[in-house]
Amino acid sequence: MLDVCVLAAIKDAPSYGYRIISELKEHIDISESTLYPILRRLETGGVLITFSKETNRRVRKYYKITASGTARISRFLSDWEELNKIYQFIKEHGGFN
């Protein structure tokens, strides 16, 4: 789920590590030691790409979602809808209203 959260954070525009953490912290607790391995795994999986850009005379590594990354978010949302249907069934028929 963290992988998809990271992809969602960069879906609209490329971003860098600190900004990704800042955006996600409103919703989940994530540290640099958690984020960077996720970013490397996502890059290896082809769902994001990296590029460097100089900002304020400092080179910063940016992450950009690929078409495969966008498709992964869509699959997750579709799967989530199915899981929610199952959850609702269990909730309604399991007596936990």
N, C-alpha and C. Protein backbone atom coordinates (compact mmCIF):
# COMPACT_ATOMS: atom_id res chain seq x y z
N MET A 1 0.81 -1.18 0.00
CA MET A 1 0.00 0.00 0.00
C MET A 1 0.87 1.26 0.00
N LEU A 2 2.01 1.21 0.69
CA LEU A 2 2.90 2.37 0.70
C LEU A 2 3.40 2.70 -0.70
N ASP A 3 3.66 1.66 -1.49
CA ASP A 3 4.12 1.89 -2.86
C ASP A 3 3.11 2.74 -3.62
N VAL A 4 1.85 2.40 -3.52
CA VAL A 4 0.80 3.12 -4.24
C VAL A 4 0.64 4.53 -3.67
N CYS A 5 0.82 4.69 -2.37
CA CYS A 5 0.76 6.03 -1.78
C CYS A 5 1.86 6.93 -2.35
N VAL A 6 3.05 6.37 -2.49
CA VAL A 6 4.16 7.13 -3.06
C VAL A 6 3.86 7.49 -4.51
N LEU A 7 3.36 6.53 -5.27
CA LEU A 7 3.01 6.81 -6.66
C LEU A 7 1.94 7.90 -6.75
N ALA A 8 0.96 7.85 -5.87
CA ALA A 8 -0.10 8.86 -5.88
C ALA A 8 0.46 10.25 -5.56
N ALA A 9 1.48 10.29 -4.71
CA ALA A 9 2.08 11.57 -4.34
C ALA A 9 2.80 12.23 -5.50
N ILE A 10 3.25 11.44 -6.47
CA ILE A 10 3.97 12.01 -7.62
C ILE A 10 3.16 11.94 -8.91
N LYS A 11 1.91 11.55 -8.81
CA LYS A 11 1.09 11.38 -10.01
C LYS A 11 0.91 12.67 -10.80
N ASP A 12 0.66 13.77 -10.11
CA ASP A 12 0.36 15.02 -10.81
C ASP A 12 1.60 15.79 -11.25
N ALA A 13 2.72 15.57 -10.58
CA ALA A 13 3.95 16.29 -10.92
C ALA A 13 5.15 15.57 -10.32
N PRO A 14 6.28 15.63 -11.00
CA PRO A 14 7.49 15.04 -10.42
C PRO A 14 7.79 15.69 -9.07
N SER A 15 8.42 14.92 -8.19
CA SER A 15 8.72 15.43 -6.87
C SER A 15 10.02 14.84 -6.36
N TYR A 16 10.46 15.31 -5.23
CA TYR A 16 11.69 14.82 -4.61
C TYR A 16 11.36 14.29 -3.21
N GLY A 17 12.31 13.58 -2.64
CA GLY A 17 12.09 12.86 -1.40
C GLY A 17 11.45 13.65 -0.28
N TYR A 18 12.03 14.79 0.07
CA TYR A 18 11.51 15.57 1.20
C TYR A 18 10.06 16.00 0.95
N ARG A 19 9.76 16.42 -0.25
CA ARG A 19 8.40 16.85 -0.56
C ARG A 19 7.42 15.68 -0.50
N ILE A 20 7.85 14.52 -0.98
CA ILE A 20 6.99 13.32 -0.92
C ILE A 20 6.66 12.99 0.53
N ILE A 21 7.68 13.00 1.38
CA ILE A 21 7.46 12.72 2.80
C ILE A 21 6.50 13.74 3.40
N SER A 22 6.69 15.00 3.07
CA SER A 22 5.82 16.06 3.60
C SER A 22 4.37 15.85 3.20
N GLU A 23 4.15 15.47 1.95
CA GLU A 23 2.78 15.25 1.46
C GLU A 23 2.15 14.02 2.14
N LEU A 24 2.93 12.98 2.29
CA LEU A 24 2.40 11.75 2.87
C LEU A 24 2.19 11.84 4.37
N LYS A 25 2.99 12.64 5.07
CA LYS A 25 2.91 12.73 6.53
C LYS A 25 1.53 13.15 7.02
N GLU A 26 0.77 13.85 6.18
CA GLU A 26 -0.58 14.24 6.58
C GLU A 26 -1.49 13.01 6.73
N HIS A 27 -1.11 11.92 6.06
CA HIS A 27 -1.97 10.74 6.01
C HIS A 27 -1.35 9.49 6.64
N ILE A 28 -0.04 9.35 6.50
CA ILE A 28 0.66 8.19 7.06
C ILE A 28 2.02 8.64 7.59
N ASP A 29 2.52 7.92 8.55
CA ASP A 29 3.84 8.22 9.10
C ASP A 29 4.88 7.49 8.28
N ILE A 30 5.75 8.24 7.61
CA ILE A 30 6.78 7.63 6.77
C ILE A 30 8.08 8.41 6.97
N SER A 31 9.17 7.67 7.06
CA SER A 31 10.48 8.29 7.26
C SER A 31 11.32 8.13 6.00
N GLU A 32 12.44 8.83 5.98
CA GLU A 32 13.36 8.71 4.85
C GLU A 32 13.85 7.27 4.71
N SER A 33 14.10 6.62 5.84
CA SER A 33 14.62 5.25 5.78
C SER A 33 13.59 4.26 5.23
N THR A 34 12.33 4.65 5.25
CA THR A 34 11.28 3.84 4.63
C THR A 34 11.07 4.25 3.18
N LEU A 35 11.07 5.56 2.93
CA LEU A 35 10.76 6.08 1.59
C LEU A 35 11.78 5.67 0.53
N TYR A 36 13.05 5.87 0.80
CA TYR A 36 14.05 5.68 -0.26
C TYR A 36 14.15 4.24 -0.76
N PRO A 37 14.05 3.23 0.09
CA PRO A 37 13.99 1.86 -0.47
C PRO A 37 12.76 1.64 -1.35
N ILE A 38 11.63 2.26 -0.96
CA ILE A 38 10.42 2.15 -1.78
C ILE A 38 10.66 2.79 -3.15
N LEU A 39 11.25 3.98 -3.14
CA LEU A 39 11.53 4.66 -4.42
C LEU A 39 12.46 3.84 -5.31
N ARG A 40 13.48 3.23 -4.72
CA ARG A 40 14.39 2.39 -5.51
C ARG A 40 13.65 1.18 -6.09
N ARG A 41 12.81 0.55 -5.27
CA ARG A 41 12.05 -0.60 -5.73
C ARG A 41 11.09 -0.21 -6.86
N LEU A 42 10.43 0.94 -6.72
CA LEU A 42 9.51 1.40 -7.76
C LEU A 42 10.25 1.72 -9.06
N GLU A 43 11.44 2.30 -8.92
CA GLU A 43 12.24 2.59 -10.12
C GLU A 43 12.67 1.30 -10.81
N THR A 44 13.12 0.34 -10.02
CA THR A 44 13.52 -0.96 -10.57
C THR A 44 12.34 -1.64 -11.26
N GLY A 45 11.15 -1.46 -10.71
CA GLY A 45 9.93 -2.03 -11.28
C GLY A 45 9.40 -1.29 -12.49
N GLY A 46 10.00 -0.16 -12.83
CA GLY A 46 9.60 0.58 -14.02
C GLY A 46 8.34 1.43 -13.86
N VAL A 47 7.93 1.67 -12.61
CA VAL A 47 6.72 2.47 -12.41
C VAL A 47 7.03 3.94 -12.11
N LEU A 48 8.31 4.23 -11.96
CA LEU A 48 8.74 5.62 -11.89
C LEU A 48 10.13 5.74 -12.47
N ILE A 49 10.47 6.95 -12.87
CA ILE A 49 11.81 7.23 -13.37
C ILE A 49 12.39 8.37 -12.54
N THR A 50 13.70 8.50 -12.61
CA THR A 50 14.36 9.58 -11.87
C THR A 50 15.10 10.48 -12.83
N PHE A 51 15.27 11.71 -12.40
CA PHE A 51 16.11 12.65 -13.13
C PHE A 51 16.62 13.67 -12.13
N SER A 52 17.72 14.30 -12.47
CA SER A 52 18.31 15.31 -11.59
C SER A 52 18.05 16.69 -12.16
N LYS A 53 17.87 17.65 -11.25
CA LYS A 53 17.59 19.02 -11.65
C LYS A 53 18.24 19.94 -10.64
N GLU A 54 18.90 20.98 -11.14
CA GLU A 54 19.53 21.94 -10.24
C GLU A 54 18.51 22.96 -9.78
N THR A 55 18.43 23.13 -8.46
CA THR A 55 17.53 24.10 -7.85
C THR A 55 18.31 24.86 -6.79
N ASN A 56 18.37 26.16 -6.91
CA ASN A 56 19.13 26.99 -5.95
C ASN A 56 20.57 26.50 -5.81
N ARG A 57 21.19 26.24 -6.95
CA ARG A 57 22.59 25.78 -7.02
C ARG A 57 22.82 24.47 -6.29
N ARG A 58 21.76 23.68 -6.20
CA ARG A 58 21.84 22.37 -5.56
C ARG A 58 21.18 21.36 -6.49
N VAL A 59 21.84 20.25 -6.73
CA VAL A 59 21.28 19.21 -7.58
C VAL A 59 20.35 18.35 -6.74
N ARG A 60 19.12 18.20 -7.22
CA ARG A 60 18.12 17.44 -6.48
C ARG A 60 17.61 16.32 -7.38
N LYS A 61 17.40 15.15 -6.80
CA LYS A 61 16.88 14.00 -7.53
C LYS A 61 15.36 14.02 -7.49
N TYR A 62 14.76 13.99 -8.68
CA TYR A 62 13.30 14.00 -8.80
C TYR A 62 12.80 12.64 -9.25
N TYR A 63 11.56 12.36 -8.89
CA TYR A 63 10.90 11.11 -9.24
C TYR A 63 9.65 11.43 -10.03
N LYS A 64 9.46 10.72 -11.13
CA LYS A 64 8.31 10.95 -12.02
C LYS A 64 7.63 9.62 -12.30
N ILE A 65 6.31 9.62 -12.23
CA ILE A 65 5.55 8.40 -12.46
C ILE A 65 5.55 8.08 -13.96
N THR A 66 5.54 6.80 -14.27
CA THR A 66 5.45 6.35 -15.67
C THR A 66 4.01 5.91 -15.94
N ALA A 67 3.74 5.57 -17.19
CA ALA A 67 2.41 5.05 -17.54
C ALA A 67 2.13 3.77 -16.76
N SER A 68 3.14 2.95 -16.55
CA SER A 68 2.97 1.73 -15.75
C SER A 68 2.61 2.06 -14.31
N GLY A 69 3.17 3.14 -13.79
CA GLY A 69 2.84 3.56 -12.43
C GLY A 69 1.41 4.03 -12.31
N THR A 70 0.96 4.77 -13.31
CA THR A 70 -0.44 5.22 -13.32
C THR A 70 -1.37 4.02 -13.41
N ALA A 71 -1.01 3.04 -14.23
CA ALA A 71 -1.82 1.82 -14.34
C ALA A 71 -1.85 1.07 -13.02
N ARG A 72 -0.73 1.09 -12.30
CA ARG A 72 -0.68 0.41 -11.01
C ARG A 72 -1.64 1.05 -10.01
N ILE A 73 -1.73 2.38 -10.01
CA ILE A 73 -2.69 3.06 -9.15
C ILE A 73 -4.10 2.64 -9.52
N SER A 74 -4.39 2.61 -10.81
CA SER A 74 -5.74 2.22 -11.27
C SER A 74 -6.08 0.80 -10.84
N ARG A 75 -5.13 -0.13 -10.97
CA ARG A 75 -5.36 -1.51 -10.52
C ARG A 75 -5.63 -1.57 -9.03
N PHE A 76 -4.85 -0.82 -8.27
CA PHE A 76 -5.04 -0.78 -6.82
C PHE A 76 -6.44 -0.29 -6.48
N LEU A 77 -6.88 0.78 -7.12
CA LEU A 77 -8.21 1.32 -6.83
C LEU A 77 -9.30 0.33 -7.20
N SER A 78 -9.11 -0.37 -8.30
CA SER A 78 -10.08 -1.38 -8.72
C SER A 78 -10.12 -2.52 -7.70
N ASP A 79 -8.95 -2.98 -7.29
CA ASP A 79 -8.88 -4.04 -6.29
C ASP A 79 -9.50 -3.57 -4.97
N TRP A 80 -9.27 -2.32 -4.62
CA TRP A 80 -9.81 -1.78 -3.38
C TRP A 80 -11.33 -1.77 -3.42
N GLU A 81 -11.91 -1.44 -4.56
CA GLU A 81 -13.37 -1.46 -4.69
C GLU A 81 -13.91 -2.86 -4.43
N GLU A 82 -13.22 -3.87 -4.97
CA GLU A 82 -13.64 -5.26 -4.73
C GLU A 82 -13.54 -5.62 -3.25
N LEU A 83 -12.43 -5.23 -2.62
CA LEU A 83 -12.26 -5.51 -1.20
C LEU A 83 -13.31 -4.79 -0.36
N ASN A 84 -13.65 -3.59 -0.76
CA ASN A 84 -14.68 -2.84 -0.02
C ASN A 84 -16.04 -3.53 -0.13
N LYS A 85 -16.35 -4.10 -1.29
CA LYS A 85 -17.60 -4.85 -1.43
C LYS A 85 -17.63 -6.04 -0.48
N ILE A 86 -16.51 -6.73 -0.39
CA ILE A 86 -16.41 -7.89 0.52
C ILE A 86 -16.53 -7.41 1.96
N TYR A 87 -15.86 -6.33 2.29
CA TYR A 87 -15.94 -5.76 3.64
C TYR A 87 -17.38 -5.42 3.99
N GLN A 88 -18.09 -4.75 3.08
CA GLN A 88 -19.48 -4.37 3.33
C GLN A 88 -20.36 -5.60 3.54
N PHE A 89 -20.12 -6.65 2.75
CA PHE A 89 -20.89 -7.89 2.91
C PHE A 89 -20.67 -8.46 4.31
N ILE A 90 -19.42 -8.56 4.71
CA ILE A 90 -19.09 -9.12 6.03
C ILE A 90 -19.69 -8.25 7.13
N LYS A 91 -19.59 -6.96 6.98
CA LYS A 91 -20.12 -6.04 7.98
C LYS A 91 -21.63 -6.18 8.11
N GLU A 92 -22.32 -6.26 6.98
CA GLU A 92 -23.79 -6.36 6.98
C GLU A 92 -24.28 -7.73 7.46
N HIS A 93 -23.58 -8.79 7.08
CA HIS A 93 -24.04 -10.13 7.41
C HIS A 93 -23.36 -10.71 8.65
N GLY A 94 -22.36 -10.04 9.14
CA GLY A 94 -21.66 -10.55 10.31
C GLY A 94 -22.17 -9.97 11.61
N GLY A 95 -23.17 -9.09 11.52
CA GLY A 95 -23.77 -8.55 12.72
C GLY A 95 -22.99 -7.43 13.37
N PHE A 96 -22.18 -6.70 12.61
CA PHE A 96 -21.38 -5.62 13.17
C PHE A 96 -21.84 -4.26 12.66
N ASN A 97 -23.11 -4.06 12.57
CA ASN A 97 -23.64 -2.79 12.05
C ASN A 97 -23.39 -1.69 12.99
